[in-house]
Amino acid sequence: MRIEREGDDYRLEISNAVATANTIAYLSELIDPKSIFLGLTRQNLVRQSLRYLIWGEGETGLLVYQILLRHWDSTPEDDPRPNIFIMSD
């Protein structure tokens, strides 16, 4: 995990972790950011499936979004929720 400060913002990079999406979702709930920018791998579905089966990695951006949606369904709506931007290179 690497955290860098860019002006008033922070950039968090996580790699080679078994539960990368869960880690990002958990940290976002701890620090309550205004926005979360998630990148997509742009790999085809077969390659993503193989990476998930072999290394436990997947399309992290979409997984973080799904985890947060499930979490928010079980929490009050007045809790702060970040804007989520899912982007590709």
N, C-alpha and C. Protein backbone atom coordinates (compact mmCIF):
# COMPACT_ATOMS: atom_id res chain seq x y z
N MET A 1 0.86 -1.16 0.00
CA MET A 1 0.00 0.00 0.00
C MET A 1 0.90 1.23 0.00
N ARG A 2 0.51 2.20 -0.80
CA ARG A 2 1.28 3.45 -0.86
C ARG A 2 0.30 4.62 -0.80
N ILE A 3 0.61 5.58 0.06
CA ILE A 3 -0.22 6.78 0.20
C ILE A 3 0.65 7.98 -0.14
N GLU A 4 0.17 8.82 -1.05
CA GLU A 4 0.88 10.03 -1.45
C GLU A 4 -0.05 11.22 -1.30
N ARG A 5 0.51 12.33 -0.90
CA ARG A 5 -0.28 13.56 -0.80
C ARG A 5 -0.08 14.36 -2.08
N GLU A 6 -1.17 14.81 -2.66
CA GLU A 6 -1.15 15.65 -3.86
C GLU A 6 -1.94 16.91 -3.56
N GLY A 7 -1.28 17.94 -3.05
CA GLY A 7 -1.97 19.17 -2.64
C GLY A 7 -2.82 18.88 -1.41
N ASP A 8 -4.13 19.15 -1.52
CA ASP A 8 -5.05 18.87 -0.43
C ASP A 8 -5.62 17.46 -0.50
N ASP A 9 -5.26 16.71 -1.54
CA ASP A 9 -5.81 15.37 -1.75
C ASP A 9 -4.77 14.30 -1.42
N TYR A 10 -5.26 13.08 -1.25
CA TYR A 10 -4.39 11.94 -1.02
C TYR A 10 -4.63 10.90 -2.10
N ARG A 11 -3.57 10.25 -2.51
CA ARG A 11 -3.65 9.18 -3.50
C ARG A 11 -3.25 7.89 -2.80
N LEU A 12 -4.15 6.92 -2.84
CA LEU A 12 -3.94 5.63 -2.20
C LEU A 12 -3.83 4.57 -3.27
N GLU A 13 -2.73 3.84 -3.28
CA GLU A 13 -2.53 2.75 -4.23
C GLU A 13 -2.33 1.45 -3.45
N ILE A 14 -3.12 0.45 -3.81
CA ILE A 14 -3.01 -0.85 -3.17
C ILE A 14 -2.81 -1.88 -4.28
N SER A 15 -1.83 -2.75 -4.10
CA SER A 15 -1.61 -3.80 -5.10
C SER A 15 -1.14 -5.07 -4.40
N ASN A 16 -1.29 -6.18 -5.12
CA ASN A 16 -0.86 -7.50 -4.63
C ASN A 16 -1.47 -7.87 -3.29
N ALA A 17 -2.69 -7.44 -3.05
CA ALA A 17 -3.40 -7.82 -1.83
C ALA A 17 -4.55 -8.74 -2.22
N VAL A 18 -4.83 -9.72 -1.38
CA VAL A 18 -5.89 -10.67 -1.68
C VAL A 18 -7.26 -9.99 -1.69
N ALA A 19 -7.46 -9.05 -0.79
CA ALA A 19 -8.76 -8.39 -0.68
C ALA A 19 -8.63 -6.89 -0.97
N THR A 20 -8.09 -6.55 -2.12
CA THR A 20 -7.85 -5.16 -2.47
C THR A 20 -9.15 -4.34 -2.44
N ALA A 21 -10.19 -4.84 -3.07
CA ALA A 21 -11.46 -4.10 -3.11
C ALA A 21 -12.04 -3.91 -1.71
N ASN A 22 -11.98 -4.94 -0.88
CA ASN A 22 -12.49 -4.82 0.49
C ASN A 22 -11.67 -3.80 1.28
N THR A 23 -10.36 -3.78 1.07
CA THR A 23 -9.50 -2.84 1.78
C THR A 23 -9.82 -1.41 1.40
N ILE A 24 -10.00 -1.14 0.11
CA ILE A 24 -10.32 0.21 -0.34
C ILE A 24 -11.68 0.64 0.20
N ALA A 25 -12.67 -0.24 0.15
CA ALA A 25 -14.01 0.08 0.65
C ALA A 25 -13.96 0.38 2.15
N TYR A 26 -13.23 -0.44 2.89
CA TYR A 26 -13.12 -0.25 4.34
C TYR A 26 -12.43 1.08 4.66
N LEU A 27 -11.32 1.36 3.99
CA LEU A 27 -10.62 2.62 4.25
C LEU A 27 -11.48 3.83 3.88
N SER A 28 -12.26 3.71 2.81
CA SER A 28 -13.12 4.84 2.43
C SER A 28 -14.18 5.11 3.49
N GLU A 29 -14.64 4.07 4.16
CA GLU A 29 -15.62 4.28 5.24
C GLU A 29 -14.96 4.86 6.48
N LEU A 30 -13.69 4.56 6.70
CA LEU A 30 -12.98 5.10 7.86
C LEU A 30 -12.68 6.59 7.71
N ILE A 31 -12.26 7.00 6.51
CA ILE A 31 -11.81 8.39 6.34
C ILE A 31 -12.87 9.31 5.75
N ASP A 32 -13.99 8.78 5.30
CA ASP A 32 -15.11 9.57 4.74
C ASP A 32 -14.64 10.62 3.72
N PRO A 33 -14.07 10.17 2.59
CA PRO A 33 -13.62 11.13 1.57
C PRO A 33 -14.81 11.76 0.85
N LYS A 34 -14.57 12.91 0.22
CA LYS A 34 -15.60 13.56 -0.59
C LYS A 34 -15.82 12.80 -1.89
N SER A 35 -14.73 12.28 -2.45
CA SER A 35 -14.80 11.57 -3.72
C SER A 35 -13.81 10.41 -3.73
N ILE A 36 -14.16 9.40 -4.52
CA ILE A 36 -13.27 8.26 -4.73
C ILE A 36 -13.14 8.07 -6.23
N PHE A 37 -11.92 8.01 -6.72
CA PHE A 37 -11.66 7.77 -8.13
C PHE A 37 -11.08 6.37 -8.27
N LEU A 38 -11.78 5.52 -9.01
CA LEU A 38 -11.38 4.13 -9.18
C LEU A 38 -11.05 3.87 -10.63
N GLY A 39 -9.95 3.18 -10.86
CA GLY A 39 -9.54 2.87 -12.22
C GLY A 39 -9.98 1.48 -12.64
N LEU A 40 -10.21 1.32 -13.93
CA LEU A 40 -10.56 0.02 -14.51
C LEU A 40 -9.34 -0.55 -15.25
N THR A 41 -9.24 -1.88 -15.29
CA THR A 41 -8.09 -2.51 -15.93
C THR A 41 -8.24 -2.57 -17.45
N ARG A 42 -9.45 -2.52 -17.94
CA ARG A 42 -9.75 -2.63 -19.38
C ARG A 42 -9.32 -3.97 -19.96
N GLN A 43 -9.28 -5.00 -19.14
CA GLN A 43 -8.95 -6.34 -19.63
C GLN A 43 -10.24 -7.07 -19.99
N ASN A 44 -10.14 -8.05 -20.87
CA ASN A 44 -11.33 -8.80 -21.23
C ASN A 44 -11.77 -9.69 -20.07
N LEU A 45 -13.01 -10.15 -20.12
CA LEU A 45 -13.59 -10.88 -19.00
C LEU A 45 -12.90 -12.21 -18.73
N VAL A 46 -12.42 -12.89 -19.76
CA VAL A 46 -11.73 -14.16 -19.58
C VAL A 46 -10.43 -13.94 -18.79
N ARG A 47 -9.68 -12.94 -19.19
CA ARG A 47 -8.42 -12.64 -18.50
C ARG A 47 -8.68 -12.23 -17.05
N GLN A 48 -9.71 -11.42 -16.83
CA GLN A 48 -10.06 -11.02 -15.46
C GLN A 48 -10.45 -12.24 -14.62
N SER A 49 -11.21 -13.16 -15.20
CA SER A 49 -11.63 -14.36 -14.47
C SER A 49 -10.42 -15.21 -14.10
N LEU A 50 -9.49 -15.36 -15.02
CA LEU A 50 -8.28 -16.14 -14.72
C LEU A 50 -7.45 -15.47 -13.62
N ARG A 51 -7.30 -14.16 -13.68
CA ARG A 51 -6.56 -13.44 -12.64
C ARG A 51 -7.24 -13.62 -11.28
N TYR A 52 -8.58 -13.64 -11.27
CA TYR A 52 -9.29 -13.84 -10.02
C TYR A 52 -9.06 -15.25 -9.48
N LEU A 53 -9.15 -16.24 -10.35
CA LEU A 53 -8.97 -17.63 -9.92
C LEU A 53 -7.54 -17.90 -9.45
N ILE A 54 -6.56 -17.34 -10.13
CA ILE A 54 -5.16 -17.63 -9.80
C ILE A 54 -4.64 -16.76 -8.65
N TRP A 55 -4.88 -15.45 -8.71
CA TRP A 55 -4.31 -14.53 -7.74
C TRP A 55 -5.33 -13.85 -6.83
N GLY A 56 -6.60 -14.07 -7.04
CA GLY A 56 -7.61 -13.42 -6.22
C GLY A 56 -7.82 -11.96 -6.58
N GLU A 57 -7.37 -11.55 -7.76
CA GLU A 57 -7.54 -10.17 -8.21
C GLU A 57 -8.67 -10.11 -9.23
N GLY A 58 -9.34 -8.99 -9.28
CA GLY A 58 -10.40 -8.82 -10.25
C GLY A 58 -10.50 -7.37 -10.67
N GLU A 59 -11.62 -6.98 -11.21
CA GLU A 59 -11.86 -5.59 -11.61
C GLU A 59 -12.17 -4.80 -10.34
N THR A 60 -11.13 -4.28 -9.72
CA THR A 60 -11.21 -3.68 -8.40
C THR A 60 -12.21 -2.53 -8.33
N GLY A 61 -12.20 -1.64 -9.33
CA GLY A 61 -13.09 -0.48 -9.31
C GLY A 61 -14.55 -0.87 -9.17
N LEU A 62 -14.98 -1.84 -9.96
CA LEU A 62 -16.38 -2.28 -9.90
C LEU A 62 -16.68 -3.02 -8.59
N LEU A 63 -15.72 -3.79 -8.11
CA LEU A 63 -15.92 -4.51 -6.85
C LEU A 63 -16.07 -3.56 -5.67
N VAL A 64 -15.24 -2.52 -5.62
CA VAL A 64 -15.34 -1.53 -4.54
C VAL A 64 -16.73 -0.89 -4.57
N TYR A 65 -17.18 -0.52 -5.75
CA TYR A 65 -18.51 0.09 -5.90
C TYR A 65 -19.60 -0.85 -5.39
N GLN A 66 -19.55 -2.13 -5.75
CA GLN A 66 -20.55 -3.09 -5.31
C GLN A 66 -20.51 -3.31 -3.80
N ILE A 67 -19.32 -3.37 -3.24
CA ILE A 67 -19.18 -3.54 -1.78
C ILE A 67 -19.78 -2.35 -1.05
N LEU A 68 -19.46 -1.14 -1.52
CA LEU A 68 -20.00 0.05 -0.87
C LEU A 68 -21.51 0.14 -1.01
N LEU A 69 -22.06 -0.24 -2.16
CA LEU A 69 -23.52 -0.23 -2.32
C LEU A 69 -24.19 -1.16 -1.32
N ARG A 70 -23.64 -2.36 -1.17
CA ARG A 70 -24.20 -3.31 -0.20
C ARG A 70 -24.11 -2.76 1.22
N HIS A 71 -22.99 -2.14 1.54
CA HIS A 71 -22.82 -1.57 2.88
C HIS A 71 -23.82 -0.44 3.11
N TRP A 72 -23.98 0.43 2.11
CA TRP A 72 -24.88 1.56 2.27
C TRP A 72 -26.33 1.14 2.38
N ASP A 73 -26.70 0.00 1.82
CA ASP A 73 -28.07 -0.50 1.97
C ASP A 73 -28.40 -0.81 3.42
N SER A 74 -27.37 -1.09 4.22
CA SER A 74 -27.60 -1.46 5.62
C SER A 74 -27.28 -0.33 6.60
N THR A 75 -26.98 0.86 6.09
CA THR A 75 -26.67 2.00 6.96
C THR A 75 -27.66 3.12 6.70
N PRO A 76 -27.83 4.03 7.68
CA PRO A 76 -28.75 5.16 7.48
C PRO A 76 -28.31 6.04 6.32
N GLU A 77 -29.28 6.62 5.63
CA GLU A 77 -28.99 7.44 4.46
C GLU A 77 -28.36 8.78 4.80
N ASP A 78 -28.42 9.20 6.07
CA ASP A 78 -27.83 10.49 6.43
C ASP A 78 -26.32 10.38 6.68
N ASP A 79 -25.75 9.17 6.62
CA ASP A 79 -24.29 9.01 6.71
C ASP A 79 -23.66 9.61 5.46
N PRO A 80 -22.51 10.26 5.61
CA PRO A 80 -21.86 10.85 4.42
C PRO A 80 -21.41 9.76 3.44
N ARG A 81 -21.68 9.99 2.18
CA ARG A 81 -21.29 9.04 1.13
C ARG A 81 -20.51 9.80 0.06
N PRO A 82 -19.40 9.23 -0.37
CA PRO A 82 -18.57 9.94 -1.36
C PRO A 82 -19.14 9.84 -2.76
N ASN A 83 -18.74 10.77 -3.61
CA ASN A 83 -18.98 10.65 -5.04
C ASN A 83 -17.99 9.62 -5.55
N ILE A 84 -18.45 8.68 -6.37
CA ILE A 84 -17.57 7.65 -6.89
C ILE A 84 -17.44 7.83 -8.40
N PHE A 85 -16.19 7.91 -8.85
CA PHE A 85 -15.88 8.07 -10.26
C PHE A 85 -15.14 6.81 -10.70
N ILE A 86 -15.70 6.08 -11.66
CA ILE A 86 -15.05 4.89 -12.19
C ILE A 86 -14.50 5.26 -13.57
N MET A 87 -13.17 5.16 -13.70
CA MET A 87 -12.50 5.69 -14.89
C MET A 87 -11.63 4.61 -15.53
N SER A 88 -11.36 4.77 -16.80
CA SER A 88 -10.41 3.90 -17.48
C SER A 88 -9.36 4.77 -18.15
N ASP A 89 -8.21 4.17 -18.36
CA ASP A 89 -7.09 4.91 -18.99
C ASP A 89 -7.33 5.14 -20.45
